[in-house]
Amino acid sequence: MSTTMTKIPPAPTWDLESIFPGGSESTEFKAHREKTTTKLKQLADTLAALPEKIDEGSVGQWSDFIVKLQEVGEDIDLTYSLAGCLSSQNVEDARANEIESLADVQVSEWTQMLTGLEARFLKVTDSEWQLLLSRPEMQEVAFYLNERREIAKSKMDLEREKLALDLAVNGFHAWSRMYDKIAGGIKVDFTEGGETKKISMGQVATKMSDPDREVRRQAFKCMLEGWEKEAEQTAMVLNNLGGFKLSLYKHRDWDSPLFEPLVMSRMQQKTLDAMWEVI
């Protein structure tokens, strides 16, 4: 069997030109990010001026703010997704990584406003709350708003929540980006059809679904070997990611590290227990 090393061909890329032409250096993409930053500042001013009570005179302001908050969230999601695609297809794209960092800041600012809104949710009466949900533009998001109002009861006070979100930018999210960069840089030797090539961990993962058991076996072995080479750095990253979350849960008085995942999955502990019992 030949073990001659061959140069791996260029990785496949997405066609993102229809969204913002020019990749991470796109002037249109830059304009989108700048416009989003401006919208965030305007929204912060709007939230500060939002009346404390919800009545016939103010309910329109409340619903208008919620709609605009959703729209800006979609703008940030677009920035995150596009930058993520660009950095995934080229881990050396420093500009794309920089844009992801900017998106982290924008997410933090957006989430702080959502947290501020949640704090206001707790101050309004049930009758005021129902008046807000009765608005036609709130019908499709009523379930989500009720959920956010309930979740807000289990969080810290507003100022500490804002501080945690600020610290997450250069803490939790920064460690997460480090993990992605490590994963993107790992290459392993993979032999198939008598030819050995260096492939990425993402490409190895696709081999795990191959109908040939020997291909899957080799893929699993390569995946373990690839991560073992980065074990020390990866362990440091994962420990800091977990440590950040555990510290946050402690200050929120969340007894279990499963509390947030269960809330995000809209699942009760007894449901999870039942699933594991069956398994």
C-alpha atoms as a PDB file:
ATOM      1  CA  MET A   1       0.000   0.000   0.000  1.00  0.00           C
ATOM      2  CA  SER A   2       1.361   3.416  -0.943  1.00  0.00           C
ATOM      3  CA  THR A   3       1.872   5.922   1.861  1.00  0.00           C
ATOM      4  CA  THR A   4       3.133   8.723  -0.382  1.00  0.00           C
ATOM      5  CA  MET A   5       2.130  12.086   1.072  1.00  0.00           C
ATOM      6  CA  THR A   6       0.083  14.234  -1.283  1.00  0.00           C
ATOM      7  CA  LYS A   7      -0.755  17.880  -0.959  1.00  0.00           C
ATOM      8  CA  ILE A   8      -4.304  18.383   0.243  1.00  0.00           C
ATOM      9  CA  PRO A   9      -6.392  20.367  -2.250  1.00  0.00           C
ATOM     10  CA  PRO A  10      -7.894  23.708  -1.205  1.00  0.00           C
ATOM     11  CA  ALA A  11     -10.792  23.335   1.207  1.00  0.00           C
ATOM     12  CA  PRO A  12     -14.265  23.905  -0.239  1.00  0.00           C
ATOM     13  CA  THR A  13     -15.712  27.351   0.342  1.00  0.00           C
ATOM     14  CA  TRP A  14     -19.202  28.811   0.488  1.00  0.00           C
ATOM     15  CA  ASP A  15     -20.521  31.200  -2.143  1.00  0.00           C
ATOM     16  CA  LEU A  16     -21.169  34.215   0.085  1.00  0.00           C
ATOM     17  CA  GLU A  17     -20.892  36.880  -2.595  1.00  0.00           C
ATOM     18  CA  SER A  18     -24.662  37.173  -2.954  1.00  0.00           C
ATOM     19  CA  ILE A  19     -24.848  38.351   0.678  1.00  0.00           C
ATOM     20  CA  PHE A  20     -21.909  40.766   0.889  1.00  0.00           C
ATOM     21  CA  PRO A  21     -19.379  40.676  -1.974  1.00  0.00           C
ATOM     22  CA  GLY A  22     -15.731  40.846  -0.995  1.00  0.00           C
ATOM     23  CA  GLY A  23     -15.533  38.449   1.920  1.00  0.00           C
ATOM     24  CA  SER A  24     -14.241  39.801   5.211  1.00  0.00           C
ATOM     25  CA  GLU A  25     -12.968  42.941   3.436  1.00  0.00           C
ATOM     26  CA  SER A  26     -16.395  43.725   1.946  1.00  0.00           C
ATOM     27  CA  THR A  27     -17.301  47.405   2.184  1.00  0.00           C
ATOM     28  CA  GLU A  28     -21.001  46.465   2.190  1.00  0.00           C
ATOM     29  CA  PHE A  29     -20.434  44.063   5.083  1.00  0.00           C
ATOM     30  CA  LYS A  30     -18.596  46.825   6.950  1.00  0.00           C
ATOM     31  CA  ALA A  31     -21.504  49.221   6.339  1.00  0.00           C
ATOM     32  CA  HIS A  32     -23.899  46.589   7.702  1.00  0.00           C
ATOM     33  CA  ARG A  33     -21.866  46.278  10.918  1.00  0.00           C
ATOM     34  CA  GLU A  34     -21.640  50.037  11.350  1.00  0.00           C
ATOM     35  CA  LYS A  35     -25.381  50.412  10.779  1.00  0.00           C
ATOM     36  CA  THR A  36     -26.031  47.722  13.397  1.00  0.00           C
ATOM     37  CA  THR A  37     -23.828  49.577  15.902  1.00  0.00           C
ATOM     38  CA  THR A  38     -25.831  52.750  15.293  1.00  0.00           C
ATOM     39  CA  LYS A  39     -29.117  50.876  15.745  1.00  0.00           C
ATOM     40  CA  LEU A  40     -27.880  49.456  19.054  1.00  0.00           C
ATOM     41  CA  LYS A  41     -27.126  52.944  20.376  1.00  0.00           C
ATOM     42  CA  GLN A  42     -30.540  54.193  19.292  1.00  0.00           C
ATOM     43  CA  LEU A  43     -32.224  51.218  20.932  1.00  0.00           C
ATOM     44  CA  ALA A  44     -30.370  51.829  24.193  1.00  0.00           C
ATOM     45  CA  ASP A  45     -31.744  55.396  24.233  1.00  0.00           C
ATOM     46  CA  THR A  46     -35.235  54.100  23.434  1.00  0.00           C
ATOM     47  CA  LEU A  47     -35.091  51.580  26.283  1.00  0.00           C
ATOM     48  CA  ALA A  48     -33.971  54.264  28.721  1.00  0.00           C
ATOM     49  CA  ALA A  49     -36.965  56.409  27.741  1.00  0.00           C
ATOM     50  CA  LEU A  50     -39.468  53.542  27.800  1.00  0.00           C
ATOM     51  CA  PRO A  51     -42.327  54.237  30.272  1.00  0.00           C
ATOM     52  CA  GLU A  52     -42.289  52.065  33.381  1.00  0.00           C
ATOM     53  CA  LYS A  53     -45.981  51.195  33.108  1.00  0.00           C
ATOM     54  CA  ILE A  54     -47.839  49.637  30.208  1.00  0.00           C
ATOM     55  CA  ASP A  55     -51.138  51.343  29.407  1.00  0.00           C
ATOM     56  CA  GLU A  56     -53.084  52.397  26.348  1.00  0.00           C
ATOM     57  CA  GLY A  57     -50.768  55.348  25.892  1.00  0.00           C
ATOM     58  CA  SER A  58     -47.472  53.474  26.203  1.00  0.00           C
ATOM     59  CA  VAL A  59     -48.199  49.952  24.926  1.00  0.00           C
ATOM     60  CA  GLY A  60     -47.339  50.996  21.371  1.00  0.00           C
ATOM     61  CA  GLN A  61     -43.884  52.174  22.503  1.00  0.00           C
ATOM     62  CA  TRP A  62     -43.288  48.865  24.249  1.00  0.00           C
ATOM     63  CA  SER A  63     -44.295  46.728  21.278  1.00  0.00           C
ATOM     64  CA  ASP A  64     -42.333  48.930  18.853  1.00  0.00           C
ATOM     65  CA  PHE A  65     -39.189  48.525  20.969  1.00  0.00           C
ATOM     66  CA  ILE A  66     -39.576  44.738  21.098  1.00  0.00           C
ATOM     67  CA  VAL A  67     -40.000  44.534  17.307  1.00  0.00           C
ATOM     68  CA  LYS A  68     -36.905  46.683  16.732  1.00  0.00           C
ATOM     69  CA  LEU A  69     -34.915  44.633  19.238  1.00  0.00           C
ATOM     70  CA  GLN A  70     -35.769  41.499  17.247  1.00  0.00           C
ATOM     71  CA  GLU A  71     -34.724  43.149  13.982  1.00  0.00           C
ATOM     72  CA  VAL A  72     -31.338  44.224  15.357  1.00  0.00           C
ATOM     73  CA  GLY A  73     -30.864  40.711  16.736  1.00  0.00           C
ATOM     74  CA  GLU A  74     -31.310  39.384  13.206  1.00  0.00           C
ATOM     75  CA  ASP A  75     -28.721  41.893  11.933  1.00  0.00           C
ATOM     76  CA  ILE A  76     -26.221  40.642  14.527  1.00  0.00           C
ATOM     77  CA  ASP A  77     -26.990  37.014  13.665  1.00  0.00           C
ATOM     78  CA  LEU A  78     -26.159  37.785  10.028  1.00  0.00           C
ATOM     79  CA  THR A  79     -22.811  39.292  11.036  1.00  0.00           C
ATOM     80  CA  TYR A  80     -22.004  36.314  13.258  1.00  0.00           C
ATOM     81  CA  SER A  81     -23.035  33.727  10.683  1.00  0.00           C
ATOM     82  CA  LEU A  82     -21.157  35.293   7.797  1.00  0.00           C
ATOM     83  CA  ALA A  83     -17.996  35.887   9.836  1.00  0.00           C
ATOM     84  CA  GLY A  84     -18.248  32.311  11.126  1.00  0.00           C
ATOM     85  CA  CYS A  85     -18.455  30.940   7.577  1.00  0.00           C
ATOM     86  CA  LEU A  86     -15.471  33.029   6.497  1.00  0.00           C
ATOM     87  CA  SER A  87     -13.289  31.980   9.441  1.00  0.00           C
ATOM     88  CA  SER A  88     -14.342  28.330   9.115  1.00  0.00           C
ATOM     89  CA  GLN A  89     -13.279  28.112   5.486  1.00  0.00           C
ATOM     90  CA  ASN A  90     -10.022  29.919   6.319  1.00  0.00           C
ATOM     91  CA  VAL A  91      -8.819  29.853   9.923  1.00  0.00           C
ATOM     92  CA  GLU A  92      -6.071  32.306   8.955  1.00  0.00           C
ATOM     93  CA  ASP A  93      -8.580  34.989   7.962  1.00  0.00           C
ATOM     94  CA  ALA A  94      -7.639  37.446  10.716  1.00  0.00           C
ATOM     95  CA  ARG A  95     -10.218  39.984   9.576  1.00  0.00           C
ATOM     96  CA  ALA A  96     -13.037  37.445   9.880  1.00  0.00           C
ATOM     97  CA  ASN A  97     -11.863  36.574  13.402  1.00  0.00           C
ATOM     98  CA  GLU A  98     -11.831  40.284  14.236  1.00  0.00           C
ATOM     99  CA  ILE A  99     -15.397  40.627  12.960  1.00  0.00           C
ATOM    100  CA  GLU A 100     -16.490  37.713  15.155  1.00  0.00           C
ATOM    101  CA  SER A 101     -14.995  39.549  18.131  1.00  0.00           C
ATOM    102  CA  LEU A 102     -16.994  42.656  17.187  1.00  0.00           C
ATOM    103  CA  ALA A 103     -20.120  40.505  16.946  1.00  0.00           C
ATOM    104  CA  ASP A 104     -19.418  39.277  20.501  1.00  0.00           C
ATOM    105  CA  VAL A 105     -19.510  42.906  21.668  1.00  0.00           C
ATOM    106  CA  GLN A 106     -22.726  43.574  19.764  1.00  0.00           C
ATOM    107  CA  VAL A 107     -24.324  40.436  21.195  1.00  0.00           C
ATOM    108  CA  SER A 108     -23.334  41.596  24.681  1.00  0.00           C
ATOM    109  CA  GLU A 109     -24.920  45.018  24.120  1.00  0.00           C
ATOM    110  CA  TRP A 110     -28.042  43.459  22.623  1.00  0.00           C
ATOM    111  CA  THR A 111     -28.372  40.926  25.445  1.00  0.00           C
ATOM    112  CA  GLN A 112     -27.925  43.679  28.036  1.00  0.00           C
ATOM    113  CA  MET A 113     -30.928  45.441  26.524  1.00  0.00           C
ATOM    114  CA  LEU A 114     -32.904  42.202  26.574  1.00  0.00           C
ATOM    115  CA  THR A 115     -31.914  41.772  30.223  1.00  0.00           C
ATOM    116  CA  GLY A 116     -33.001  45.338  30.948  1.00  0.00           C
ATOM    117  CA  LEU A 117     -36.304  44.639  29.244  1.00  0.00           C
ATOM    118  CA  GLU A 118     -36.748  41.438  31.272  1.00  0.00           C
ATOM    119  CA  ALA A 119     -36.201  43.433  34.474  1.00  0.00           C
ATOM    120  CA  ARG A 120     -39.016  45.725  33.380  1.00  0.00           C
ATOM    121  CA  PHE A 121     -41.204  42.702  32.626  1.00  0.00           C
ATOM    122  CA  LEU A 122     -41.074  41.792  36.314  1.00  0.00           C
ATOM    123  CA  LYS A 123     -42.294  45.236  37.382  1.00  0.00           C
ATOM    124  CA  VAL A 124     -45.489  45.353  35.330  1.00  0.00           C
ATOM    125  CA  THR A 125     -48.746  43.861  36.563  1.00  0.00           C
ATOM    126  CA  ASP A 126     -50.346  40.833  34.939  1.00  0.00           C
ATOM    127  CA  SER A 127     -53.078  43.021  33.454  1.00  0.00           C
ATOM    128  CA  GLU A 128     -50.465  45.342  31.930  1.00  0.00           C
ATOM    129  CA  TRP A 129     -48.635  42.296  30.597  1.00  0.00           C
ATOM    130  CA  GLN A 130     -51.764  40.949  28.923  1.00  0.00           C
ATOM    131  CA  LEU A 131     -52.377  44.355  27.345  1.00  0.00           C
ATOM    132  CA  LEU A 132     -48.922  44.133  25.729  1.00  0.00           C
ATOM    133  CA  LEU A 133     -49.445  40.562  24.505  1.00  0.00           C
ATOM    134  CA  SER A 134     -52.807  41.500  23.008  1.00  0.00           C
ATOM    135  CA  ARG A 135     -51.087  43.688  20.405  1.00  0.00           C
ATOM    136  CA  PRO A 136     -51.259  42.043  16.931  1.00  0.00           C
ATOM    137  CA  GLU A 137     -47.494  42.385  16.396  1.00  0.00           C
ATOM    138  CA  MET A 138     -46.859  40.551  19.692  1.00  0.00           C
ATOM    139  CA  GLN A 139     -48.971  37.491  18.883  1.00  0.00           C
ATOM    140  CA  GLU A 140     -46.191  35.520  17.198  1.00  0.00           C
ATOM    141  CA  VAL A 141     -43.689  36.171  20.011  1.00  0.00           C
ATOM    142  CA  ALA A 142     -46.066  35.894  22.984  1.00  0.00           C
ATOM    143  CA  PHE A 143     -44.740  32.446  23.956  1.00  0.00           C
ATOM    144  CA  TYR A 144     -41.138  33.718  23.892  1.00  0.00           C
ATOM    145  CA  LEU A 145     -41.980  36.857  25.885  1.00  0.00           C
ATOM    146  CA  ASN A 146     -43.764  34.811  28.563  1.00  0.00           C
ATOM    147  CA  GLU A 147     -40.740  32.539  28.706  1.00  0.00           C
ATOM    148  CA  ARG A 148     -38.307  35.473  29.102  1.00  0.00           C
ATOM    149  CA  ARG A 149     -40.456  36.949  31.871  1.00  0.00           C
ATOM    150  CA  GLU A 150     -40.346  33.641  33.750  1.00  0.00           C
ATOM    151  CA  ILE A 151     -36.581  33.155  33.252  1.00  0.00           C
ATOM    152  CA  ALA A 152     -35.908  36.690  34.523  1.00  0.00           C
ATOM    153  CA  LYS A 153     -37.137  35.625  37.957  1.00  0.00           C
ATOM    154  CA  SER A 154     -34.139  33.312  38.372  1.00  0.00           C
ATOM    155  CA  LYS A 155     -31.416  35.814  37.427  1.00  0.00           C
ATOM    156  CA  MET A 156     -29.280  38.261  39.406  1.00  0.00           C
ATOM    157  CA  ASP A 157     -30.131  41.932  39.752  1.00  0.00           C
ATOM    158  CA  LEU A 158     -29.844  43.975  36.562  1.00  0.00           C
ATOM    159  CA  GLU A 159     -26.446  45.572  37.244  1.00  0.00           C
ATOM    160  CA  ARG A 160     -24.751  42.267  38.036  1.00  0.00           C
ATOM    161  CA  GLU A 161     -26.289  40.643  34.959  1.00  0.00           C
ATOM    162  CA  LYS A 162     -24.943  43.479  32.795  1.00  0.00           C
ATOM    163  CA  LEU A 163     -21.485  43.066  34.352  1.00  0.00           C
ATOM    164  CA  ALA A 164     -21.518  39.331  33.660  1.00  0.00           C
ATOM    165  CA  LEU A 165     -22.409  39.964  30.020  1.00  0.00           C
ATOM    166  CA  ASP A 166     -19.592  42.497  29.683  1.00  0.00           C
ATOM    167  CA  LEU A 167     -17.052  40.106  31.203  1.00  0.00           C
ATOM    168  CA  ALA A 168     -18.220  37.295  28.915  1.00  0.00           C
ATOM    169  CA  VAL A 169     -16.937  39.141  25.822  1.00  0.00           C
ATOM    170  CA  ASN A 170     -13.282  38.747  26.785  1.00  0.00           C
ATOM    171  CA  GLY A 171     -13.909  35.716  28.970  1.00  0.00           C
ATOM    172  CA  PHE A 172     -16.360  33.051  27.898  1.00  0.00           C
ATOM    173  CA  HIS A 173     -16.610  34.076  24.230  1.00  0.00           C
ATOM    174  CA  ALA A 174     -12.872  34.619  23.861  1.00  0.00           C
ATOM    175  CA  TRP A 175     -12.141  31.127  25.193  1.00  0.00           C
ATOM    176  CA  SER A 176     -14.777  29.736  22.826  1.00  0.00           C
ATOM    177  CA  ARG A 177     -13.066  31.388  19.843  1.00  0.00           C
ATOM    178  CA  MET A 178      -9.736  29.945  21.012  1.00  0.00           C
ATOM    179  CA  TYR A 179     -11.289  26.473  21.006  1.00  0.00           C
ATOM    180  CA  ASP A 180     -12.573  27.004  17.458  1.00  0.00           C
ATOM    181  CA  LYS A 181      -9.146  28.156  16.292  1.00  0.00           C
ATOM    182  CA  ILE A 182      -7.429  25.113  17.817  1.00  0.00           C
ATOM    183  CA  ALA A 183      -9.981  22.790  16.218  1.00  0.00           C
ATOM    184  CA  GLY A 184      -9.622  24.504  12.847  1.00  0.00           C
ATOM    185  CA  GLY A 185      -5.855  24.129  12.850  1.00  0.00           C
ATOM    186  CA  ILE A 186      -5.680  20.371  13.524  1.00  0.00           C
ATOM    187  CA  LYS A 187      -4.711  18.214  10.534  1.00  0.00           C
ATOM    188  CA  VAL A 188      -4.321  14.426  10.523  1.00  0.00           C
ATOM    189  CA  ASP A 189      -3.045  11.818   8.062  1.00  0.00           C
ATOM    190  CA  PHE A 190      -5.866   9.792   6.522  1.00  0.00           C
ATOM    191  CA  THR A 191      -5.362   6.887   4.119  1.00  0.00           C
ATOM    192  CA  GLU A 192      -8.079   6.037   1.642  1.00  0.00           C
ATOM    193  CA  GLY A 193      -7.898   4.293  -1.730  1.00  0.00           C
ATOM    194  CA  GLY A 194      -4.177   3.668  -1.228  1.00  0.00           C
ATOM    195  CA  GLU A 195      -3.482   7.384  -0.867  1.00  0.00           C
ATOM    196  CA  THR A 196      -2.601   9.291   2.297  1.00  0.00           C
ATOM    197  CA  LYS A 197      -3.667  12.886   2.694  1.00  0.00           C
ATOM    198  CA  LYS A 198      -3.699  15.434   5.471  1.00  0.00           C
ATOM    199  CA  ILE A 199      -7.285  16.383   6.238  1.00  0.00           C
ATOM    200  CA  SER A 200      -9.014  18.632   8.754  1.00  0.00           C
ATOM    201  CA  MET A 201     -11.002  17.456  11.756  1.00  0.00           C
ATOM    202  CA  GLY A 202     -14.170  18.548   9.984  1.00  0.00           C
ATOM    203  CA  GLN A 203     -13.312  16.263   7.090  1.00  0.00           C
ATOM    204  CA  VAL A 204     -12.527  13.461   9.527  1.00  0.00           C
ATOM    205  CA  ALA A 205     -15.962  13.934  11.096  1.00  0.00           C
ATOM    206  CA  THR A 206     -17.632  13.289   7.734  1.00  0.00           C
ATOM    207  CA  LYS A 207     -15.755   9.982   7.503  1.00  0.00           C
ATOM    208  CA  MET A 208     -17.493   8.876  10.696  1.00  0.00           C
ATOM    209  CA  SER A 209     -20.663   8.418   8.612  1.00  0.00           C
ATOM    210  CA  ASP A 210     -18.991   6.345   5.906  1.00  0.00           C
ATOM    211  CA  PRO A 211     -20.758   3.013   5.192  1.00  0.00           C
ATOM    212  CA  ASP A 212     -17.377   1.206   5.405  1.00  0.00           C
ATOM    213  CA  ARG A 213     -16.687   0.232   8.999  1.00  0.00           C
ATOM    214  CA  GLU A 214     -12.922   0.317   8.488  1.00  0.00           C
ATOM    215  CA  VAL A 215     -13.132   3.891   7.244  1.00  0.00           C
ATOM    216  CA  ARG A 216     -15.133   4.812  10.334  1.00  0.00           C
ATOM    217  CA  ARG A 217     -12.637   2.992  12.566  1.00  0.00           C
ATOM    218  CA  GLN A 218      -9.708   4.880  11.024  1.00  0.00           C
ATOM    219  CA  ALA A 219     -11.604   8.174  11.308  1.00  0.00           C
ATOM    220  CA  PHE A 220     -12.244   7.581  14.996  1.00  0.00           C
ATOM    221  CA  LYS A 221      -8.586   6.725  15.591  1.00  0.00           C
ATOM    222  CA  CYS A 222      -7.434   9.822  13.679  1.00  0.00           C
ATOM    223  CA  MET A 223      -9.834  12.032  15.602  1.00  0.00           C
ATOM    224  CA  LEU A 224      -8.487  10.799  18.932  1.00  0.00           C
ATOM    225  CA  GLU A 225      -4.881  11.215  17.815  1.00  0.00           C
ATOM    226  CA  GLY A 226      -5.544  14.705  16.459  1.00  0.00           C
ATOM    227  CA  TRP A 227      -7.092  15.945  19.682  1.00  0.00           C
ATOM    228  CA  GLU A 228      -4.468  14.226  21.840  1.00  0.00           C
ATOM    229  CA  LYS A 229      -1.821  16.466  20.256  1.00  0.00           C
ATOM    230  CA  GLU A 230      -3.742  19.494  21.497  1.00  0.00           C
ATOM    231  CA  ALA A 231      -4.868  17.937  24.775  1.00  0.00           C
ATOM    232  CA  GLU A 232      -3.151  20.390  27.115  1.00  0.00           C
ATOM    233  CA  GLN A 233      -4.372  23.544  25.354  1.00  0.00           C
ATOM    234  CA  THR A 234      -7.846  22.138  24.800  1.00  0.00           C
ATOM    235  CA  ALA A 235      -8.190  21.113  28.452  1.00  0.00           C
ATOM    236  CA  MET A 236      -7.245  24.647  29.493  1.00  0.00           C
ATOM    237  CA  VAL A 237      -9.881  26.133  27.187  1.00  0.00           C
ATOM    238  CA  LEU A 238     -12.633  23.736  28.269  1.00  0.00           C
ATOM    239  CA  ASN A 239     -11.823  24.216  31.957  1.00  0.00           C
ATOM    240  CA  ASN A 240     -12.078  27.990  31.600  1.00  0.00           C
ATOM    241  CA  LEU A 241     -15.324  27.753  29.638  1.00  0.00           C
ATOM    242  CA  GLY A 242     -16.796  25.514  32.318  1.00  0.00           C
ATOM    243  CA  GLY A 243     -15.347  27.614  35.125  1.00  0.00           C
ATOM    244  CA  PHE A 244     -16.916  30.791  33.767  1.00  0.00           C
ATOM    245  CA  LYS A 245     -20.337  29.164  33.593  1.00  0.00           C
ATOM    246  CA  LEU A 246     -20.080  27.612  37.063  1.00  0.00           C
ATOM    247  CA  SER A 247     -19.096  30.965  38.602  1.00  0.00           C
ATOM    248  CA  LEU A 248     -22.050  32.630  36.893  1.00  0.00           C
ATOM    249  CA  TYR A 249     -24.440  29.894  38.068  1.00  0.00           C
ATOM    250  CA  LYS A 250     -23.160  30.297  41.621  1.00  0.00           C
ATOM    251  CA  HIS A 251     -24.007  34.000  41.685  1.00  0.00           C
ATOM    252  CA  ARG A 252     -27.421  33.311  40.174  1.00  0.00           C
ATOM    253  CA  ASP A 253     -28.035  30.678  42.882  1.00  0.00           C
ATOM    254  CA  TRP A 254     -28.549  28.001  40.269  1.00  0.00           C
ATOM    255  CA  ASP A 255     -27.902  24.735  42.105  1.00  0.00           C
ATOM    256  CA  SER A 256     -27.288  22.558  39.057  1.00  0.00           C
ATOM    257  CA  PRO A 257     -25.096  23.101  35.973  1.00  0.00           C
ATOM    258  CA  LEU A 258     -27.972  21.470  34.074  1.00  0.00           C
ATOM    259  CA  PHE A 259     -30.361  24.324  34.899  1.00  0.00           C
ATOM    260  CA  GLU A 260     -29.476  26.520  31.901  1.00  0.00           C
ATOM    261  CA  PRO A 261     -29.233  23.681  29.335  1.00  0.00           C
ATOM    262  CA  LEU A 262     -32.639  22.427  30.469  1.00  0.00           C
ATOM    263  CA  VAL A 263     -34.158  25.903  30.183  1.00  0.00           C
ATOM    264  CA  MET A 264     -32.627  26.374  26.731  1.00  0.00           C
ATOM    265  CA  SER A 265     -33.981  22.986  25.666  1.00  0.00           C
ATOM    266  CA  ARG A 266     -37.386  23.714  27.238  1.00  0.00           C
ATOM    267  CA  MET A 267     -37.066  20.444  29.103  1.00  0.00           C
ATOM    268  CA  GLN A 268     -37.755  19.415  32.683  1.00  0.00           C
ATOM    269  CA  GLN A 269     -35.251  17.483  34.788  1.00  0.00           C
ATOM    270  CA  LYS A 270     -37.656  14.541  35.093  1.00  0.00           C
ATOM    271  CA  THR A 271     -37.834  14.323  31.284  1.00  0.00           C
ATOM    272  CA  LEU A 272     -34.058  14.148  31.017  1.00  0.00           C
ATOM    273  CA  ASP A 273     -33.920  11.548  33.800  1.00  0.00           C
ATOM    274  CA  ALA A 274     -36.523   9.434  32.000  1.00  0.00           C
ATOM    275  CA  MET A 275     -34.538   9.590  28.750  1.00  0.00           C
ATOM    276  CA  TRP A 276     -31.337   8.462  30.480  1.00  0.00           C
ATOM    277  CA  GLU A 277     -33.169   5.701  32.313  1.00  0.00           C
ATOM    278  CA  VAL A 278     -34.409   4.320  28.970  1.00  0.00           C
ATOM    279  CA  ILE A 279     -30.916   4.558  27.476  1.00  0.00           C
END
